């Protein structure tokens, strides 16, 4: 099984890295870019288990370690 986790800053939280990327893109001539938000992408290989158990475990991992739920949101997909 494979889990794909996406972690992003919550709306309203400043993203200085995103702003730096946006400014760099503008300097390269891509002035149509209005905003950039950066996040994290995490892939995990899981041992075989029922899909609902895998989802429960991945959500728990996100809340306990992979995302700072005070300032970040997360979503994930479990395949296999």
PDB file of N, CA and C in Angstrom:
ATOM      1  N   UNK A   1       0.848  -1.183   0.000  1.00  0.00           N
ATOM      2  CA  UNK A   1       0.000   0.000   0.000  1.00  0.00           C
ATOM      3  C   UNK A   1       0.888   1.239   0.000  1.00  0.00           C
ATOM      4  N   UNK A   2       0.364   2.282  -0.586  1.00  0.00           N
ATOM      5  CA  UNK A   2       1.096   3.545  -0.614  1.00  0.00           C
ATOM      6  C   UNK A   2       0.179   4.660  -0.122  1.00  0.00           C
ATOM      7  N   UNK A   3       0.731   5.531   0.722  1.00  0.00           N
ATOM      8  CA  UNK A   3       0.015   6.716   1.182  1.00  0.00           C
ATOM      9  C   UNK A   3       0.719   7.941   0.627  1.00  0.00           C
ATOM     10  N   UNK A   4      -0.066   8.865   0.091  1.00  0.00           N
ATOM     11  CA  UNK A   4       0.449  10.145  -0.401  1.00  0.00           C
ATOM     12  C   UNK A   4      -0.165  11.234   0.466  1.00  0.00           C
ATOM     13  N   UNK A   5       0.705  12.012   1.123  1.00  0.00           N
ATOM     14  CA  UNK A   5       0.258  13.032   2.076  1.00  0.00           C
ATOM     15  C   UNK A   5       0.661  14.408   1.546  1.00  0.00           C
ATOM     16  N   UNK A   6      -0.282  15.337   1.585  1.00  0.00           N
ATOM     17  CA  UNK A   6      -0.043  16.716   1.165  1.00  0.00           C
ATOM     18  C   UNK A   6      -0.275  17.627   2.367  1.00  0.00           C
ATOM     19  N   UNK A   7       0.735  18.415   2.728  1.00  0.00           N
ATOM     20  CA  UNK A   7       0.645  19.314   3.875  1.00  0.00           C
ATOM     21  C   UNK A   7       0.826  20.743   3.356  1.00  0.00           C
ATOM     22  N   UNK A   8      -0.112  21.612   3.688  1.00  0.00           N
ATOM     23  CA  UNK A   8      -0.040  23.008   3.245  1.00  0.00           C
ATOM     24  C   UNK A   8      -0.352  23.936   4.412  1.00  0.00           C
ATOM     25  N   UNK A   9       0.137  25.155   4.309  1.00  0.00           N
ATOM     26  CA  UNK A   9      -0.176  26.153   5.329  1.00  0.00           C
ATOM     27  C   UNK A   9      -1.657  26.504   5.266  1.00  0.00           C
ATOM     28  N   UNK A  10      -2.244  26.742   6.427  1.00  0.00           N
ATOM     29  CA  UNK A  10      -3.639  27.151   6.469  1.00  0.00           C
ATOM     30  C   UNK A  10      -3.790  28.518   5.819  1.00  0.00           C
ATOM     31  N   UNK A  11      -4.960  28.763   5.307  1.00  0.00           N
ATOM     32  CA  UNK A  11      -5.288  30.061   4.731  1.00  0.00           C
ATOM     33  C   UNK A  11      -5.102  31.131   5.805  1.00  0.00           C
ATOM     34  N   UNK A  12      -4.492  32.237   5.441  1.00  0.00           N
ATOM     35  CA  UNK A  12      -4.277  33.322   6.392  1.00  0.00           C
ATOM     36  C   UNK A  12      -2.929  33.277   7.088  1.00  0.00           C
ATOM     37  N   UNK A  13      -2.217  32.161   6.984  1.00  0.00           N
ATOM     38  CA  UNK A  13      -0.873  32.060   7.557  1.00  0.00           C
ATOM     39  C   UNK A  13       0.119  32.574   6.514  1.00  0.00           C
ATOM     40  N   UNK A  14       0.991  33.486   6.925  1.00  0.00           N
ATOM     41  CA  UNK A  14       1.985  34.030   5.999  1.00  0.00           C
ATOM     42  C   UNK A  14       2.921  32.930   5.500  1.00  0.00           C
ATOM     43  N   UNK A  15       3.288  33.009   4.221  1.00  0.00           N
ATOM     44  CA  UNK A  15       4.164  32.023   3.597  1.00  0.00           C
ATOM     45  C   UNK A  15       5.350  32.753   2.963  1.00  0.00           C
ATOM     46  N   UNK A  16       6.399  33.068   3.743  1.00  0.00           N
ATOM     47  CA  UNK A  16       7.530  33.821   3.201  1.00  0.00           C
ATOM     48  C   UNK A  16       8.247  33.092   2.072  1.00  0.00           C
ATOM     49  N   UNK A  17       8.323  31.760   2.129  1.00  0.00           N
ATOM     50  CA  UNK A  17       8.956  31.016   1.032  1.00  0.00           C
ATOM     51  C   UNK A  17       8.131  31.154  -0.243  1.00  0.00           C
ATOM     52  N   UNK A  18       6.826  31.077  -0.110  1.00  0.00           N
ATOM     53  CA  UNK A  18       5.954  31.251  -1.265  1.00  0.00           C
ATOM     54  C   UNK A  18       6.116  32.629  -1.882  1.00  0.00           C
ATOM     55  N   UNK A  19       6.210  33.654  -1.020  1.00  0.00           N
ATOM     56  CA  UNK A  19       6.415  35.029  -1.524  1.00  0.00           C
ATOM     57  C   UNK A  19       7.741  35.151  -2.269  1.00  0.00           C
ATOM     58  N   UNK A  20       8.800  34.522  -1.740  1.00  0.00           N
ATOM     59  CA  UNK A  20      10.112  34.571  -2.397  1.00  0.00           C
ATOM     60  C   UNK A  20      10.048  33.908  -3.775  1.00  0.00           C
ATOM     61  N   UNK A  21       9.344  32.778  -3.863  1.00  0.00           N
ATOM     62  CA  UNK A  21       9.199  32.098  -5.156  1.00  0.00           C
ATOM     63  C   UNK A  21       8.385  32.957  -6.113  1.00  0.00           C
ATOM     64  N   UNK A  22       7.317  33.557  -5.618  1.00  0.00           N
ATOM     65  CA  UNK A  22       6.494  34.431  -6.460  1.00  0.00           C
ATOM     66  C   UNK A  22       7.322  35.589  -7.023  1.00  0.00           C
ATOM     67  N   UNK A  23       8.118  36.245  -6.164  1.00  0.00           N
ATOM     68  CA  UNK A  23       8.949  37.358  -6.620  1.00  0.00           C
ATOM     69  C   UNK A  23       9.982  36.898  -7.646  1.00  0.00           C
ATOM     70  N   UNK A  24      10.555  35.731  -7.424  1.00  0.00           N
ATOM     71  CA  UNK A  24      11.531  35.205  -8.386  1.00  0.00           C
ATOM     72  C   UNK A  24      10.869  34.922  -9.728  1.00  0.00           C
ATOM     73  N   UNK A  25       9.674  34.368  -9.687  1.00  0.00           N
ATOM     74  CA  UNK A  25       8.952  34.118 -10.939  1.00  0.00           C
ATOM     75  C   UNK A  25       8.648  35.423 -11.663  1.00  0.00           C
ATOM     76  N   UNK A  26       8.281  36.458 -10.914  1.00  0.00           N
ATOM     77  CA  UNK A  26       8.039  37.768 -11.528  1.00  0.00           C
ATOM     78  C   UNK A  26       9.319  38.296 -12.185  1.00  0.00           C
ATOM     79  N   UNK A  27      10.456  38.136 -11.504  1.00  0.00           N
ATOM     80  CA  UNK A  27      11.731  38.591 -12.068  1.00  0.00           C
ATOM     81  C   UNK A  27      12.083  37.833 -13.344  1.00  0.00           C
ATOM     82  N   UNK A  28      11.602  36.606 -13.452  1.00  0.00           N
ATOM     83  CA  UNK A  28      11.838  35.806 -14.668  1.00  0.00           C
ATOM     84  C   UNK A  28      10.825  36.121 -15.766  1.00  0.00           C
ATOM     85  N   UNK A  29       9.893  37.020 -15.477  1.00  0.00           N
ATOM     86  CA  UNK A  29       8.935  37.441 -16.490  1.00  0.00           C
ATOM     87  C   UNK A  29       7.563  36.797 -16.371  1.00  0.00           C
ATOM     88  N   UNK A  30       7.345  35.961 -15.368  1.00  0.00           N
ATOM     89  CA  UNK A  30       6.053  35.304 -15.190  1.00  0.00           C
ATOM     90  C   UNK A  30       5.163  36.152 -14.285  1.00  0.00           C
ATOM     91  N   UNK A  31       4.776  37.306 -14.792  1.00  0.00           N
ATOM     92  CA  UNK A  31       4.040  38.277 -13.986  1.00  0.00           C
ATOM     93  C   UNK A  31       2.577  37.895 -13.777  1.00  0.00           C
ATOM     94  N   UNK A  32       2.101  36.874 -14.465  1.00  0.00           N
ATOM     95  CA  UNK A  32       0.712  36.446 -14.283  1.00  0.00           C
ATOM     96  C   UNK A  32       0.522  35.656 -12.988  1.00  0.00           C
ATOM     97  N   UNK A  33       1.615  35.266 -12.322  1.00  0.00           N
ATOM     98  CA  UNK A  33       1.514  34.517 -11.064  1.00  0.00           C
ATOM     99  C   UNK A  33       1.074  35.486  -9.965  1.00  0.00           C
ATOM    100  N   UNK A  34      -0.101  35.233  -9.409  1.00  0.00           N
ATOM    101  CA  UNK A  34      -0.675  36.134  -8.404  1.00  0.00           C
ATOM    102  C   UNK A  34      -0.309  35.747  -6.975  1.00  0.00           C
ATOM    103  N   UNK A  35      -0.084  34.455  -6.725  1.00  0.00           N
ATOM    104  CA  UNK A  35       0.249  34.017  -5.369  1.00  0.00           C
ATOM    105  C   UNK A  35       0.898  32.643  -5.459  1.00  0.00           C
ATOM    106  N   UNK A  36       1.802  32.354  -4.533  1.00  0.00           N
ATOM    107  CA  UNK A  36       2.442  31.044  -4.447  1.00  0.00           C
ATOM    108  C   UNK A  36       2.394  30.601  -2.992  1.00  0.00           C
ATOM    109  N   UNK A  37       1.963  29.385  -2.772  1.00  0.00           N
ATOM    110  CA  UNK A  37       1.958  28.775  -1.436  1.00  0.00           C
ATOM    111  C   UNK A  37       2.742  27.478  -1.555  1.00  0.00           C
ATOM    112  N   UNK A  38       3.724  27.284  -0.686  1.00  0.00           N
ATOM    113  CA  UNK A  38       4.518  26.066  -0.702  1.00  0.00           C
ATOM    114  C   UNK A  38       4.017  25.113   0.374  1.00  0.00           C
ATOM    115  N   UNK A  39       4.269  23.838   0.153  1.00  0.00           N
ATOM    116  CA  UNK A  39       3.864  22.827   1.115  1.00  0.00           C
ATOM    117  C   UNK A  39       4.816  21.646   1.068  1.00  0.00           C
ATOM    118  N   UNK A  40       4.378  20.541   1.655  1.00  0.00           N
ATOM    119  CA  UNK A  40       5.189  19.327   1.685  1.00  0.00           C
ATOM    120  C   UNK A  40       4.388  18.193   1.047  1.00  0.00           C
ATOM    121  N   UNK A  41       5.119  17.301   0.371  1.00  0.00           N
ATOM    122  CA  UNK A  41       4.528  16.089  -0.191  1.00  0.00           C
ATOM    123  C   UNK A  41       5.301  14.915   0.384  1.00  0.00           C
ATOM    124  N   UNK A  42       4.603  13.954   0.950  1.00  0.00           N
ATOM    125  CA  UNK A  42       5.238  12.817   1.609  1.00  0.00           C
ATOM    126  C   UNK A  42       4.624  11.539   1.053  1.00  0.00           C
ATOM    127  N   UNK A  43       5.460  10.600   0.641  1.00  0.00           N
ATOM    128  CA  UNK A  43       5.002   9.286   0.213  1.00  0.00           C
ATOM    129  C   UNK A  43       5.466   8.249   1.215  1.00  0.00           C
ATOM    130  N   UNK A  44       4.577   7.336   1.568  1.00  0.00           N
ATOM    131  CA  UNK A  44       4.927   6.273   2.511  1.00  0.00           C
ATOM    132  C   UNK A  44       4.452   4.940   1.957  1.00  0.00           C
ATOM    133  N   UNK A  45       5.298   3.935   2.052  1.00  0.00           N
ATOM    134  CA  UNK A  45       4.920   2.554   1.750  1.00  0.00           C
ATOM    135  C   UNK A  45       4.412   1.955   3.039  1.00  0.00           C
ATOM    136  N   UNK A  46       3.224   1.354   2.986  1.00  0.00           N
ATOM    137  CA  UNK A  46       2.616   0.749   4.166  1.00  0.00           C
ATOM    138  C   UNK A  46       2.489  -0.755   3.980  1.00  0.00           C
ATOM    139  N   UNK A  47       2.532  -1.474   5.078  1.00  0.00           N
ATOM    140  CA  UNK A  47       2.253  -2.907   5.040  1.00  0.00           C
ATOM    141  C   UNK A  47       0.789  -3.106   4.656  1.00  0.00           C
ATOM    142  N   UNK A  48       0.466  -4.215   4.018  1.00  0.00           N
ATOM    143  CA  UNK A  48      -0.935  -4.474   3.665  1.00  0.00           C
ATOM    144  C   UNK A  48      -1.831  -4.486   4.906  1.00  0.00           C
ATOM    145  N   UNK A  49      -2.982  -3.844   4.795  1.00  0.00           N
ATOM    146  CA  UNK A  49      -3.977  -3.797   5.873  1.00  0.00           C
ATOM    147  C   UNK A  49      -5.285  -3.333   5.251  1.00  0.00           C
ATOM    148  N   UNK A  50      -6.384  -3.458   5.957  1.00  0.00           N
ATOM    149  CA  UNK A  50      -7.651  -2.932   5.431  1.00  0.00           C
ATOM    150  C   UNK A  50      -7.542  -1.426   5.171  1.00  0.00           C
ATOM    151  N   UNK A  51      -8.197  -0.976   4.119  1.00  0.00           N
ATOM    152  CA  UNK A  51      -8.106   0.434   3.699  1.00  0.00           C
ATOM    153  C   UNK A  51      -8.504   1.391   4.817  1.00  0.00           C
ATOM    154  N   UNK A  52      -9.558   1.076   5.554  1.00  0.00           N
ATOM    155  CA  UNK A  52     -10.006   1.978   6.622  1.00  0.00           C
ATOM    156  C   UNK A  52      -8.963   2.089   7.733  1.00  0.00           C
ATOM    157  N   UNK A  53      -8.289   0.998   8.051  1.00  0.00           N
ATOM    158  CA  UNK A  53      -7.239   1.034   9.065  1.00  0.00           C
ATOM    159  C   UNK A  53      -6.053   1.867   8.576  1.00  0.00           C
ATOM    160  N   UNK A  54      -5.700   1.712   7.309  1.00  0.00           N
ATOM    161  CA  UNK A  54      -4.599   2.493   6.734  1.00  0.00           C
ATOM    162  C   UNK A  54      -4.929   3.982   6.804  1.00  0.00           C
ATOM    163  N   UNK A  55      -6.146   4.346   6.454  1.00  0.00           N
ATOM    164  CA  UNK A  55      -6.558   5.761   6.512  1.00  0.00           C
ATOM    165  C   UNK A  55      -6.517   6.291   7.942  1.00  0.00           C
ATOM    166  N   UNK A  56      -6.962   5.467   8.883  1.00  0.00           N
ATOM    167  CA  UNK A  56      -6.934   5.880  10.284  1.00  0.00           C
ATOM    168  C   UNK A  56      -5.507   6.124  10.755  1.00  0.00           C
ATOM    169  N   UNK A  57      -4.605   5.202  10.389  1.00  0.00           N
ATOM    170  CA  UNK A  57      -3.214   5.341  10.806  1.00  0.00           C
ATOM    171  C   UNK A  57      -2.542   6.550  10.161  1.00  0.00           C
ATOM    172  N   UNK A  58      -2.785   6.768   8.875  1.00  0.00           N
ATOM    173  CA  UNK A  58      -2.160   7.902   8.195  1.00  0.00           C
ATOM    174  C   UNK A  58      -2.668   9.217   8.780  1.00  0.00           C
ATOM    175  N   UNK A  59      -3.958   9.315   9.049  1.00  0.00           N
ATOM    176  CA  UNK A  59      -4.503  10.534   9.667  1.00  0.00           C
ATOM    177  C   UNK A  59      -3.854  10.774  11.029  1.00  0.00           C
ATOM    178  N   UNK A  60      -3.666   9.714  11.796  1.00  0.00           N
ATOM    179  CA  UNK A  60      -3.017   9.832  13.101  1.00  0.00           C
ATOM    180  C   UNK A  60      -1.564  10.290  12.953  1.00  0.00           C
ATOM    181  N   UNK A  61      -0.844   9.720  11.979  1.00  0.00           N
ATOM    182  CA  UNK A  61       0.545  10.131  11.730  1.00  0.00           C
ATOM    183  C   UNK A  61       0.616  11.615  11.378  1.00  0.00           C
ATOM    184  N   UNK A  62      -0.334  12.060  10.570  1.00  0.00           N
ATOM    185  CA  UNK A  62      -0.349  13.477  10.180  1.00  0.00           C
ATOM    186  C   UNK A  62      -0.565  14.372  11.387  1.00  0.00           C
ATOM    187  N   UNK A  63      -1.533  14.017  12.219  1.00  0.00           N
ATOM    188  CA  UNK A  63      -1.824  14.842  13.398  1.00  0.00           C
ATOM    189  C   UNK A  63      -0.690  14.836  14.411  1.00  0.00           C
ATOM    190  N   UNK A  64       0.000  13.695  14.567  1.00  0.00           N
ATOM    191  CA  UNK A  64       1.042  13.579  15.587  1.00  0.00           C
ATOM    192  C   UNK A  64       2.420  14.048  15.139  1.00  0.00           C
ATOM    193  N   UNK A  65       2.726  13.955  13.829  1.00  0.00           N
ATOM    194  CA  UNK A  65       4.096  14.238  13.412  1.00  0.00           C
ATOM    195  C   UNK A  65       4.221  15.003  12.098  1.00  0.00           C
ATOM    196  N   UNK A  66       3.495  14.602  11.082  1.00  0.00           N
ATOM    197  CA  UNK A  66       3.766  15.113   9.730  1.00  0.00           C
ATOM    198  C   UNK A  66       3.276  16.534   9.497  1.00  0.00           C
ATOM    199  N   UNK A  67       2.243  16.961  10.206  1.00  0.00           N
ATOM    200  CA  UNK A  67       1.708  18.319  10.029  1.00  0.00           C
ATOM    201  C   UNK A  67       1.614  19.012  11.385  1.00  0.00           C
ATOM    202  N   UNK A  68       1.911  20.295  11.382  1.00  0.00           N
ATOM    203  CA  UNK A  68       1.686  21.128  12.560  1.00  0.00           C
ATOM    204  C   UNK A  68       0.260  21.660  12.414  1.00  0.00           C
ATOM    205  N   UNK A  69      -0.686  20.994  13.046  1.00  0.00           N
ATOM    206  CA  UNK A  69      -2.097  21.297  12.804  1.00  0.00           C
ATOM    207  C   UNK A  69      -2.528  22.674  13.300  1.00  0.00           C
ATOM    208  N   UNK A  70      -1.667  23.363  14.013  1.00  0.00           N
ATOM    209  CA  UNK A  70      -1.981  24.735  14.420  1.00  0.00           C
ATOM    210  C   UNK A  70      -1.923  25.655  13.200  1.00  0.00           C
ATOM    211  N   UNK A  71      -0.957  25.427  12.316  1.00  0.00           N
ATOM    212  CA  UNK A  71      -0.775  26.317  11.161  1.00  0.00           C
ATOM    213  C   UNK A  71      -0.874  25.604   9.814  1.00  0.00           C
ATOM    214  N   UNK A  72      -1.003  24.269   9.815  1.00  0.00           N
ATOM    215  CA  UNK A  72      -1.025  23.523   8.564  1.00  0.00           C
ATOM    216  C   UNK A  72      -2.268  22.639   8.450  1.00  0.00           C
ATOM    217  N   UNK A  73      -2.715  22.466   7.219  1.00  0.00           N
ATOM    218  CA  UNK A  73      -3.759  21.513   6.883  1.00  0.00           C
ATOM    219  C   UNK A  73      -3.100  20.329   6.202  1.00  0.00           C
ATOM    220  N   UNK A  74      -3.784  19.198   6.193  1.00  0.00           N
ATOM    221  CA  UNK A  74      -3.262  18.050   5.463  1.00  0.00           C
ATOM    222  C   UNK A  74      -4.408  17.302   4.792  1.00  0.00           C
ATOM    223  N   UNK A  75      -4.057  16.597   3.750  1.00  0.00           N
ATOM    224  CA  UNK A  75      -4.967  15.665   3.100  1.00  0.00           C
ATOM    225  C   UNK A  75      -4.109  14.514   2.618  1.00  0.00           C
ATOM    226  N   UNK A  76      -4.730  13.381   2.365  1.00  0.00           N
ATOM    227  CA  UNK A  76      -3.948  12.229   1.941  1.00  0.00           C
ATOM    228  C   UNK A  76      -4.782  11.282   1.108  1.00  0.00           C
ATOM    229  N   UNK A  77      -4.081  10.416   0.389  1.00  0.00           N
ATOM    230  CA  UNK A  77      -4.702   9.368  -0.412  1.00  0.00           C
ATOM    231  C   UNK A  77      -3.995   8.073  -0.033  1.00  0.00           C
ATOM    232  N   UNK A  78      -4.753   6.991   0.040  1.00  0.00           N
ATOM    233  CA  UNK A  78      -4.178   5.672   0.287  1.00  0.00           C
ATOM    234  C   UNK A  78      -4.526   4.810  -0.916  1.00  0.00           C
ATOM    235  N   UNK A  79      -3.502   4.200  -1.526  1.00  0.00           N
ATOM    236  CA  UNK A  79      -3.683   3.351  -2.710  1.00  0.00           C
ATOM    237  C   UNK A  79      -3.278   1.927  -2.384  1.00  0.00           C
ATOM    238  N   UNK A  80      -3.940   1.004  -3.058  1.00  0.00           N
ATOM    239  CA  UNK A  80      -3.539  -0.405  -2.924  1.00  0.00           C
ATOM    240  C   UNK A  80      -4.373  -1.066  -1.927  1.00  0.00           C
TER     241      UNK A  80
END
